[in-house]
Amino acid sequence: MQYMKIEDAIKQQTFESEYHKLNTNLLFTGSWINHQQINLLRQYDISPQQHNVLRILESRFPNPATVNLLIDNMIDNASNVSRLVEKLRKKGLVERKQCLSNRRAVDITLTNDGFELLKQINNRRLNENIMKSLTLDEARQLNNLLDKLRD
């Protein structure tokens, strides 16, 4: 099977080292994946960051989450979570309530509409659509290598 090499994708034939090539390839591929997600989620009128918030809330249900908990669990820690939550609240996908145990905190939960939207998006289909060129074994191997890289 023929696939596009990073040299062809960015029109650069030489790199300082194999590690430099790997770094470039990871950055380029991460950006490519992000654009694929943006395009897939656009039809649902949400961003990848908003989708990440919804998935975190879904995984915690029926327990609420605080903004700080969401920040700690976000893929992109630089996201303005308060702003993301407010946009999702205006769309009716999440609910905000004052936390009973800490008056300075706000509890955030997924609404029925939020659950319905996640069901429509079908996260498995979203991921499989982007990762379709990898076998299950290749995905496991790549996961292990990426974990090792961050160690």
N, C-alpha and C. Protein backbone atom coordinates (compact mmCIF):
# COMPACT_ATOMS: atom_id res chain seq x y z
N MET A 1 0.84 -1.19 0.00
CA MET A 1 0.00 0.00 0.00
C MET A 1 0.88 1.25 0.00
N GLN A 2 0.54 2.18 -0.83
CA GLN A 2 1.29 3.42 -0.95
C GLN A 2 0.59 4.51 -0.14
N TYR A 3 1.35 5.24 0.66
CA TYR A 3 0.80 6.34 1.42
C TYR A 3 1.75 7.52 1.33
N MET A 4 1.22 8.71 1.61
CA MET A 4 2.03 9.92 1.47
C MET A 4 3.03 10.05 2.61
N LYS A 5 4.26 10.17 2.26
CA LYS A 5 5.32 10.36 3.24
C LYS A 5 5.37 11.83 3.66
N ILE A 6 5.90 12.07 4.85
CA ILE A 6 5.99 13.44 5.37
C ILE A 6 6.79 14.33 4.43
N GLU A 7 7.82 13.78 3.78
CA GLU A 7 8.63 14.56 2.83
C GLU A 7 7.76 15.12 1.72
N ASP A 8 6.85 14.31 1.24
CA ASP A 8 5.97 14.76 0.15
C ASP A 8 4.87 15.68 0.66
N ALA A 9 4.37 15.40 1.84
CA ALA A 9 3.28 16.20 2.40
C ALA A 9 3.69 17.64 2.64
N ILE A 10 4.92 17.83 3.13
CA ILE A 10 5.37 19.20 3.43
C ILE A 10 6.41 19.70 2.43
N LYS A 11 6.68 18.88 1.41
CA LYS A 11 7.62 19.25 0.35
C LYS A 11 8.99 19.63 0.91
N GLN A 12 9.50 18.75 1.77
CA GLN A 12 10.84 18.91 2.36
C GLN A 12 11.51 17.54 2.30
N GLN A 13 12.60 17.44 1.58
CA GLN A 13 13.23 16.14 1.35
C GLN A 13 14.28 15.77 2.37
N THR A 14 14.83 16.74 3.09
CA THR A 14 15.88 16.42 4.06
C THR A 14 15.51 16.97 5.44
N PHE A 15 15.98 16.26 6.44
CA PHE A 15 15.79 16.65 7.84
C PHE A 15 17.14 16.57 8.54
N GLU A 16 17.28 17.30 9.64
CA GLU A 16 18.53 17.30 10.38
C GLU A 16 18.87 15.90 10.90
N SER A 17 17.83 15.16 11.29
CA SER A 17 18.02 13.82 11.83
C SER A 17 16.69 13.08 11.75
N GLU A 18 16.72 11.82 12.05
CA GLU A 18 15.49 11.03 12.08
C GLU A 18 14.56 11.54 13.18
N TYR A 19 15.13 12.04 14.30
CA TYR A 19 14.33 12.60 15.39
C TYR A 19 13.66 13.90 14.95
N HIS A 20 14.37 14.72 14.19
CA HIS A 20 13.78 15.95 13.66
C HIS A 20 12.61 15.60 12.72
N LYS A 21 12.82 14.59 11.89
CA LYS A 21 11.76 14.14 10.99
C LYS A 21 10.57 13.64 11.79
N LEU A 22 10.81 12.87 12.85
CA LEU A 22 9.73 12.36 13.70
C LEU A 22 8.96 13.51 14.33
N ASN A 23 9.66 14.49 14.87
CA ASN A 23 9.00 15.64 15.50
C ASN A 23 8.12 16.37 14.48
N THR A 24 8.66 16.60 13.29
CA THR A 24 7.89 17.25 12.24
C THR A 24 6.68 16.42 11.86
N ASN A 25 6.87 15.12 11.74
CA ASN A 25 5.78 14.22 11.37
C ASN A 25 4.68 14.20 12.44
N LEU A 26 5.08 14.17 13.71
CA LEU A 26 4.08 14.19 14.80
C LEU A 26 3.29 15.49 14.79
N LEU A 27 3.97 16.63 14.64
CA LEU A 27 3.27 17.92 14.61
C LEU A 27 2.34 18.02 13.42
N PHE A 28 2.82 17.61 12.25
CA PHE A 28 2.00 17.66 11.04
C PHE A 28 0.79 16.74 11.17
N THR A 29 1.01 15.51 11.67
CA THR A 29 -0.08 14.54 11.80
C THR A 29 -1.09 14.98 12.85
N GLY A 30 -0.61 15.55 13.95
CA GLY A 30 -1.52 16.07 14.97
C GLY A 30 -2.42 17.16 14.41
N SER A 31 -1.83 18.04 13.63
CA SER A 31 -2.60 19.10 12.99
C SER A 31 -3.60 18.51 11.99
N TRP A 32 -3.17 17.51 11.23
CA TRP A 32 -4.06 16.85 10.26
C TRP A 32 -5.26 16.21 10.96
N ILE A 33 -4.99 15.50 12.08
CA ILE A 33 -6.07 14.86 12.84
C ILE A 33 -7.04 15.92 13.36
N ASN A 34 -6.50 17.02 13.88
CA ASN A 34 -7.34 18.10 14.40
C ASN A 34 -8.25 18.65 13.30
N HIS A 35 -7.72 18.85 12.10
CA HIS A 35 -8.55 19.35 10.99
C HIS A 35 -9.62 18.34 10.60
N GLN A 36 -9.28 17.05 10.64
CA GLN A 36 -10.27 16.02 10.34
C GLN A 36 -11.42 16.07 11.35
N GLN A 37 -11.07 16.21 12.64
CA GLN A 37 -12.10 16.29 13.68
C GLN A 37 -12.95 17.54 13.51
N ILE A 38 -12.31 18.66 13.23
CA ILE A 38 -13.06 19.91 13.02
C ILE A 38 -14.09 19.71 11.92
N ASN A 39 -13.67 19.13 10.82
CA ASN A 39 -14.58 18.92 9.69
C ASN A 39 -15.71 17.96 10.04
N LEU A 40 -15.42 16.90 10.79
CA LEU A 40 -16.46 15.95 11.17
C LEU A 40 -17.43 16.54 12.19
N LEU A 41 -16.92 17.34 13.13
CA LEU A 41 -17.77 17.89 14.19
C LEU A 41 -18.53 19.14 13.74
N ARG A 42 -18.08 19.76 12.67
CA ARG A 42 -18.74 20.98 12.17
C ARG A 42 -20.22 20.74 11.90
N GLN A 43 -20.54 19.55 11.39
CA GLN A 43 -21.95 19.26 11.08
C GLN A 43 -22.82 19.20 12.34
N TYR A 44 -22.20 19.07 13.50
CA TYR A 44 -22.94 19.07 14.78
C TYR A 44 -22.82 20.41 15.50
N ASP A 45 -22.16 21.38 14.87
CA ASP A 45 -21.99 22.73 15.40
C ASP A 45 -21.25 22.75 16.73
N ILE A 46 -20.23 21.88 16.86
CA ILE A 46 -19.38 21.94 18.04
C ILE A 46 -17.92 21.80 17.61
N SER A 47 -17.04 22.28 18.46
CA SER A 47 -15.60 22.20 18.21
C SER A 47 -15.03 20.93 18.86
N PRO A 48 -13.82 20.54 18.49
CA PRO A 48 -13.19 19.40 19.17
C PRO A 48 -13.06 19.62 20.68
N GLN A 49 -12.79 20.86 21.10
CA GLN A 49 -12.68 21.14 22.53
C GLN A 49 -14.04 20.98 23.23
N GLN A 50 -15.11 21.45 22.59
CA GLN A 50 -16.44 21.26 23.17
C GLN A 50 -16.79 19.77 23.22
N HIS A 51 -16.42 19.04 22.19
CA HIS A 51 -16.66 17.59 22.16
C HIS A 51 -15.90 16.93 23.31
N ASN A 52 -14.68 17.38 23.57
CA ASN A 52 -13.88 16.84 24.66
C ASN A 52 -14.59 17.06 26.01
N VAL A 53 -15.13 18.26 26.21
CA VAL A 53 -15.88 18.55 27.46
C VAL A 53 -17.07 17.61 27.58
N LEU A 54 -17.83 17.45 26.51
CA LEU A 54 -19.00 16.57 26.54
C LEU A 54 -18.60 15.12 26.86
N ARG A 55 -17.50 14.65 26.28
CA ARG A 55 -17.05 13.27 26.53
C ARG A 55 -16.60 13.09 27.99
N ILE A 56 -15.96 14.09 28.55
CA ILE A 56 -15.55 14.01 29.96
C ILE A 56 -16.79 13.95 30.85
N LEU A 57 -17.77 14.81 30.57
CA LEU A 57 -19.00 14.81 31.36
C LEU A 57 -19.74 13.48 31.22
N GLU A 58 -19.76 12.92 30.02
CA GLU A 58 -20.41 11.63 29.80
C GLU A 58 -19.73 10.54 30.61
N SER A 59 -18.40 10.56 30.67
CA SER A 59 -17.67 9.52 31.39
C SER A 59 -17.88 9.62 32.90
N ARG A 60 -18.21 10.79 33.40
CA ARG A 60 -18.41 11.00 34.84
C ARG A 60 -19.85 10.78 35.27
N PHE A 61 -20.78 10.77 34.33
CA PHE A 61 -22.21 10.70 34.66
C PHE A 61 -22.50 9.49 35.54
N PRO A 62 -23.31 9.64 36.59
CA PRO A 62 -24.18 10.77 36.92
C PRO A 62 -23.51 11.85 37.79
N ASN A 63 -22.22 11.68 38.08
CA ASN A 63 -21.54 12.67 38.90
C ASN A 63 -21.24 13.93 38.09
N PRO A 64 -21.39 15.10 38.70
CA PRO A 64 -21.06 16.34 37.99
C PRO A 64 -19.55 16.54 37.96
N ALA A 65 -19.14 17.53 37.19
CA ALA A 65 -17.74 17.93 37.13
C ALA A 65 -17.65 19.42 37.43
N THR A 66 -16.51 19.81 37.96
CA THR A 66 -16.24 21.24 38.14
C THR A 66 -15.38 21.70 36.97
N VAL A 67 -15.26 23.01 36.82
CA VAL A 67 -14.42 23.55 35.77
C VAL A 67 -12.98 23.06 35.96
N ASN A 68 -12.51 23.04 37.21
CA ASN A 68 -11.14 22.59 37.47
C ASN A 68 -10.94 21.13 37.07
N LEU A 69 -11.92 20.30 37.34
CA LEU A 69 -11.81 18.89 36.95
C LEU A 69 -11.76 18.78 35.42
N LEU A 70 -12.58 19.55 34.74
CA LEU A 70 -12.56 19.55 33.27
C LEU A 70 -11.19 19.99 32.75
N ILE A 71 -10.65 21.05 33.34
CA ILE A 71 -9.33 21.54 32.93
C ILE A 71 -8.29 20.43 33.08
N ASP A 72 -8.33 19.73 34.20
CA ASP A 72 -7.36 18.67 34.47
C ASP A 72 -7.47 17.50 33.50
N ASN A 73 -8.65 17.31 32.91
CA ASN A 73 -8.89 16.16 32.04
C ASN A 73 -8.95 16.51 30.55
N MET A 74 -8.79 17.77 30.21
CA MET A 74 -8.87 18.17 28.81
C MET A 74 -7.63 17.71 28.04
N ILE A 75 -7.83 17.36 26.79
CA ILE A 75 -6.71 17.02 25.92
C ILE A 75 -5.87 18.27 25.67
N ASP A 76 -6.53 19.39 25.44
CA ASP A 76 -5.86 20.68 25.22
C ASP A 76 -6.03 21.51 26.49
N ASN A 77 -5.00 21.50 27.35
CA ASN A 77 -5.09 22.19 28.65
C ASN A 77 -5.20 23.70 28.49
N ALA A 78 -4.86 24.22 27.33
CA ALA A 78 -4.90 25.67 27.12
C ALA A 78 -6.31 26.17 26.80
N SER A 79 -7.25 25.27 26.65
CA SER A 79 -8.61 25.67 26.32
C SER A 79 -9.21 26.50 27.45
N ASN A 80 -10.02 27.49 27.08
CA ASN A 80 -10.74 28.28 28.06
C ASN A 80 -12.02 27.51 28.41
N VAL A 81 -11.93 26.68 29.44
CA VAL A 81 -13.02 25.76 29.76
C VAL A 81 -14.28 26.50 30.18
N SER A 82 -14.14 27.58 30.92
CA SER A 82 -15.34 28.33 31.33
C SER A 82 -16.11 28.82 30.12
N ARG A 83 -15.40 29.31 29.12
CA ARG A 83 -16.04 29.78 27.89
C ARG A 83 -16.67 28.62 27.12
N LEU A 84 -15.97 27.48 27.06
CA LEU A 84 -16.51 26.30 26.38
C LEU A 84 -17.81 25.83 27.05
N VAL A 85 -17.80 25.78 28.38
CA VAL A 85 -18.98 25.34 29.13
C VAL A 85 -20.14 26.29 28.89
N GLU A 86 -19.87 27.58 28.87
CA GLU A 86 -20.95 28.57 28.64
C GLU A 86 -21.55 28.40 27.25
N LYS A 87 -20.71 28.17 26.24
CA LYS A 87 -21.24 27.94 24.88
C LYS A 87 -22.10 26.68 24.85
N LEU A 88 -21.64 25.62 25.52
CA LEU A 88 -22.41 24.37 25.56
C LEU A 88 -23.72 24.56 26.33
N ARG A 89 -23.69 25.39 27.39
CA ARG A 89 -24.91 25.67 28.16
C ARG A 89 -25.92 26.41 27.29
N LYS A 90 -25.45 27.38 26.52
CA LYS A 90 -26.35 28.13 25.65
C LYS A 90 -26.98 27.24 24.57
N LYS A 91 -26.28 26.19 24.20
CA LYS A 91 -26.82 25.24 23.22
C LYS A 91 -27.72 24.19 23.87
N GLY A 92 -27.81 24.24 25.22
CA GLY A 92 -28.66 23.30 25.93
C GLY A 92 -28.04 21.92 26.11
N LEU A 93 -26.71 21.82 25.96
CA LEU A 93 -26.04 20.52 26.04
C LEU A 93 -25.49 20.21 27.43
N VAL A 94 -25.28 21.25 28.24
CA VAL A 94 -24.83 21.06 29.62
C VAL A 94 -25.64 21.97 30.53
N GLU A 95 -25.59 21.65 31.81
CA GLU A 95 -26.29 22.42 32.83
C GLU A 95 -25.28 22.81 33.90
N ARG A 96 -25.39 24.03 34.39
CA ARG A 96 -24.52 24.52 35.47
C ARG A 96 -25.37 24.77 36.71
N LYS A 97 -24.89 24.26 37.83
CA LYS A 97 -25.55 24.51 39.12
C LYS A 97 -24.49 24.80 40.16
N GLN A 98 -24.85 25.63 41.13
CA GLN A 98 -23.90 25.90 42.21
C GLN A 98 -23.66 24.62 43.00
N CYS A 99 -22.38 24.36 43.28
CA CYS A 99 -21.99 23.18 44.03
C CYS A 99 -22.45 23.34 45.49
N LEU A 100 -23.12 22.32 46.01
CA LEU A 100 -23.64 22.39 47.38
C LEU A 100 -22.53 22.31 48.42
N SER A 101 -21.45 21.60 48.12
CA SER A 101 -20.38 21.44 49.10
C SER A 101 -19.33 22.54 49.04
N ASN A 102 -19.31 23.33 47.96
CA ASN A 102 -18.34 24.41 47.81
C ASN A 102 -19.01 25.53 47.04
N ARG A 103 -19.42 26.58 47.74
CA ARG A 103 -20.19 27.65 47.14
C ARG A 103 -19.44 28.40 46.04
N ARG A 104 -18.09 28.28 46.00
CA ARG A 104 -17.32 28.95 44.96
C ARG A 104 -17.24 28.12 43.68
N ALA A 105 -17.60 26.86 43.77
CA ALA A 105 -17.52 25.96 42.61
C ALA A 105 -18.88 25.82 41.93
N VAL A 106 -18.84 25.40 40.69
CA VAL A 106 -20.05 25.17 39.91
C VAL A 106 -20.02 23.73 39.43
N ASP A 107 -21.14 23.02 39.62
CA ASP A 107 -21.28 21.66 39.12
C ASP A 107 -21.79 21.70 37.69
N ILE A 108 -21.17 20.93 36.82
CA ILE A 108 -21.55 20.89 35.42
C ILE A 108 -21.95 19.46 35.07
N THR A 109 -23.11 19.32 34.45
CA THR A 109 -23.59 18.00 34.05
C THR A 109 -24.09 18.05 32.62
N LEU A 110 -24.13 16.89 32.02
CA LEU A 110 -24.64 16.73 30.66
C LEU A 110 -26.17 16.71 30.70
N THR A 111 -26.81 17.38 29.76
CA THR A 111 -28.27 17.34 29.65
C THR A 111 -28.65 16.17 28.74
N ASN A 112 -29.96 15.90 28.67
CA ASN A 112 -30.44 14.86 27.76
C ASN A 112 -30.06 15.20 26.32
N ASP A 113 -30.13 16.48 25.97
CA ASP A 113 -29.74 16.89 24.62
C ASP A 113 -28.24 16.63 24.38
N GLY A 114 -27.44 16.82 25.42
CA GLY A 114 -26.01 16.53 25.32
C GLY A 114 -25.75 15.05 25.07
N PHE A 115 -26.49 14.19 25.80
CA PHE A 115 -26.37 12.75 25.58
C PHE A 115 -26.80 12.38 24.15
N GLU A 116 -27.89 12.98 23.70
CA GLU A 116 -28.38 12.69 22.35
C GLU A 116 -27.37 13.10 21.28
N LEU A 117 -26.75 14.25 21.47
CA LEU A 117 -25.76 14.71 20.51
C LEU A 117 -24.58 13.74 20.45
N LEU A 118 -24.11 13.30 21.62
CA LEU A 118 -23.00 12.35 21.64
C LEU A 118 -23.38 11.04 20.96
N LYS A 119 -24.63 10.63 21.14
CA LYS A 119 -25.09 9.41 20.48
C LYS A 119 -25.07 9.60 18.96
N GLN A 120 -25.48 10.78 18.50
CA GLN A 120 -25.47 11.06 17.06
C GLN A 120 -24.05 11.07 16.49
N ILE A 121 -23.14 11.67 17.24
CA ILE A 121 -21.76 11.77 16.78
C ILE A 121 -21.13 10.38 16.69
N ASN A 122 -21.49 9.49 17.61
CA ASN A 122 -20.96 8.13 17.62
C ASN A 122 -19.43 8.18 17.61
N ASN A 123 -18.86 8.31 18.79
CA ASN A 123 -17.42 8.51 18.94
C ASN A 123 -16.59 7.42 18.26
N ARG A 124 -17.07 6.20 18.27
CA ARG A 124 -16.32 5.11 17.63
C ARG A 124 -16.19 5.37 16.13
N ARG A 125 -17.28 5.78 15.50
CA ARG A 125 -17.25 6.08 14.08
C ARG A 125 -16.32 7.26 13.80
N LEU A 126 -16.35 8.27 14.66
CA LEU A 126 -15.50 9.45 14.51
C LEU A 126 -14.03 9.03 14.52
N ASN A 127 -13.63 8.24 15.51
CA ASN A 127 -12.23 7.81 15.61
C ASN A 127 -11.85 6.86 14.49
N GLU A 128 -12.72 5.92 14.16
CA GLU A 128 -12.41 4.96 13.11
C GLU A 128 -12.30 5.64 11.75
N ASN A 129 -13.08 6.67 11.53
CA ASN A 129 -13.02 7.39 10.27
C ASN A 129 -11.65 8.04 10.08
N ILE A 130 -11.10 8.59 11.15
CA ILE A 130 -9.80 9.26 11.08
C ILE A 130 -8.66 8.24 11.06
N MET A 131 -8.78 7.15 11.80
CA MET A 131 -7.69 6.19 11.96
C MET A 131 -7.83 4.97 11.05
N LYS A 132 -8.66 5.05 10.02
CA LYS A 132 -9.01 3.89 9.20
C LYS A 132 -7.83 3.22 8.50
N SER A 133 -6.72 3.91 8.33
CA SER A 133 -5.60 3.31 7.62
C SER A 133 -4.73 2.44 8.51
N LEU A 134 -4.97 2.43 9.82
CA LEU A 134 -4.19 1.61 10.75
C LEU A 134 -4.97 0.36 11.15
N THR A 135 -4.27 -0.76 11.25
CA THR A 135 -4.89 -1.97 11.79
C THR A 135 -4.97 -1.82 13.30
N LEU A 136 -5.72 -2.70 13.93
CA LEU A 136 -5.82 -2.68 15.40
C LEU A 136 -4.45 -2.89 16.04
N ASP A 137 -3.67 -3.81 15.51
CA ASP A 137 -2.32 -4.04 16.05
C ASP A 137 -1.43 -2.82 15.86
N GLU A 138 -1.53 -2.17 14.71
CA GLU A 138 -0.74 -0.96 14.48
C GLU A 138 -1.16 0.16 15.43
N ALA A 139 -2.44 0.27 15.69
CA ALA A 139 -2.94 1.29 16.63
C ALA A 139 -2.38 1.01 18.03
N ARG A 140 -2.39 -0.25 18.45
CA ARG A 140 -1.82 -0.61 19.77
C ARG A 140 -0.33 -0.26 19.82
N GLN A 141 0.39 -0.62 18.78
CA GLN A 141 1.83 -0.35 18.73
C GLN A 141 2.09 1.16 18.78
N LEU A 142 1.34 1.92 18.01
CA LEU A 142 1.53 3.37 18.01
C LEU A 142 1.18 3.97 19.37
N ASN A 143 0.11 3.49 19.99
CA ASN A 143 -0.23 3.95 21.35
C ASN A 143 0.91 3.70 22.31
N ASN A 144 1.49 2.51 22.26
CA ASN A 144 2.62 2.18 23.15
C ASN A 144 3.83 3.09 22.88
N LEU A 145 4.12 3.33 21.61
CA LEU A 145 5.25 4.19 21.27
C LEU A 145 5.03 5.63 21.72
N LEU A 146 3.81 6.13 21.55
CA LEU A 146 3.51 7.49 22.00
C LEU A 146 3.57 7.61 23.52
N ASP A 147 3.07 6.59 24.21
CA ASP A 147 3.20 6.57 25.68
C ASP A 147 4.67 6.59 26.09
N LYS A 148 5.49 5.80 25.41
CA LYS A 148 6.92 5.73 25.71
C LYS A 148 7.57 7.08 25.44
N LEU A 149 7.18 7.75 24.36
CA LEU A 149 7.74 9.05 24.01
C LEU A 149 7.49 10.08 25.11
N ARG A 150 6.31 10.04 25.72
CA ARG A 150 5.97 11.00 26.78
C ARG A 150 6.56 10.66 28.13
N ASP A 151 7.12 9.47 28.27
CA ASP A 151 7.66 9.02 29.57
C ASP A 151 8.84 9.86 30.02
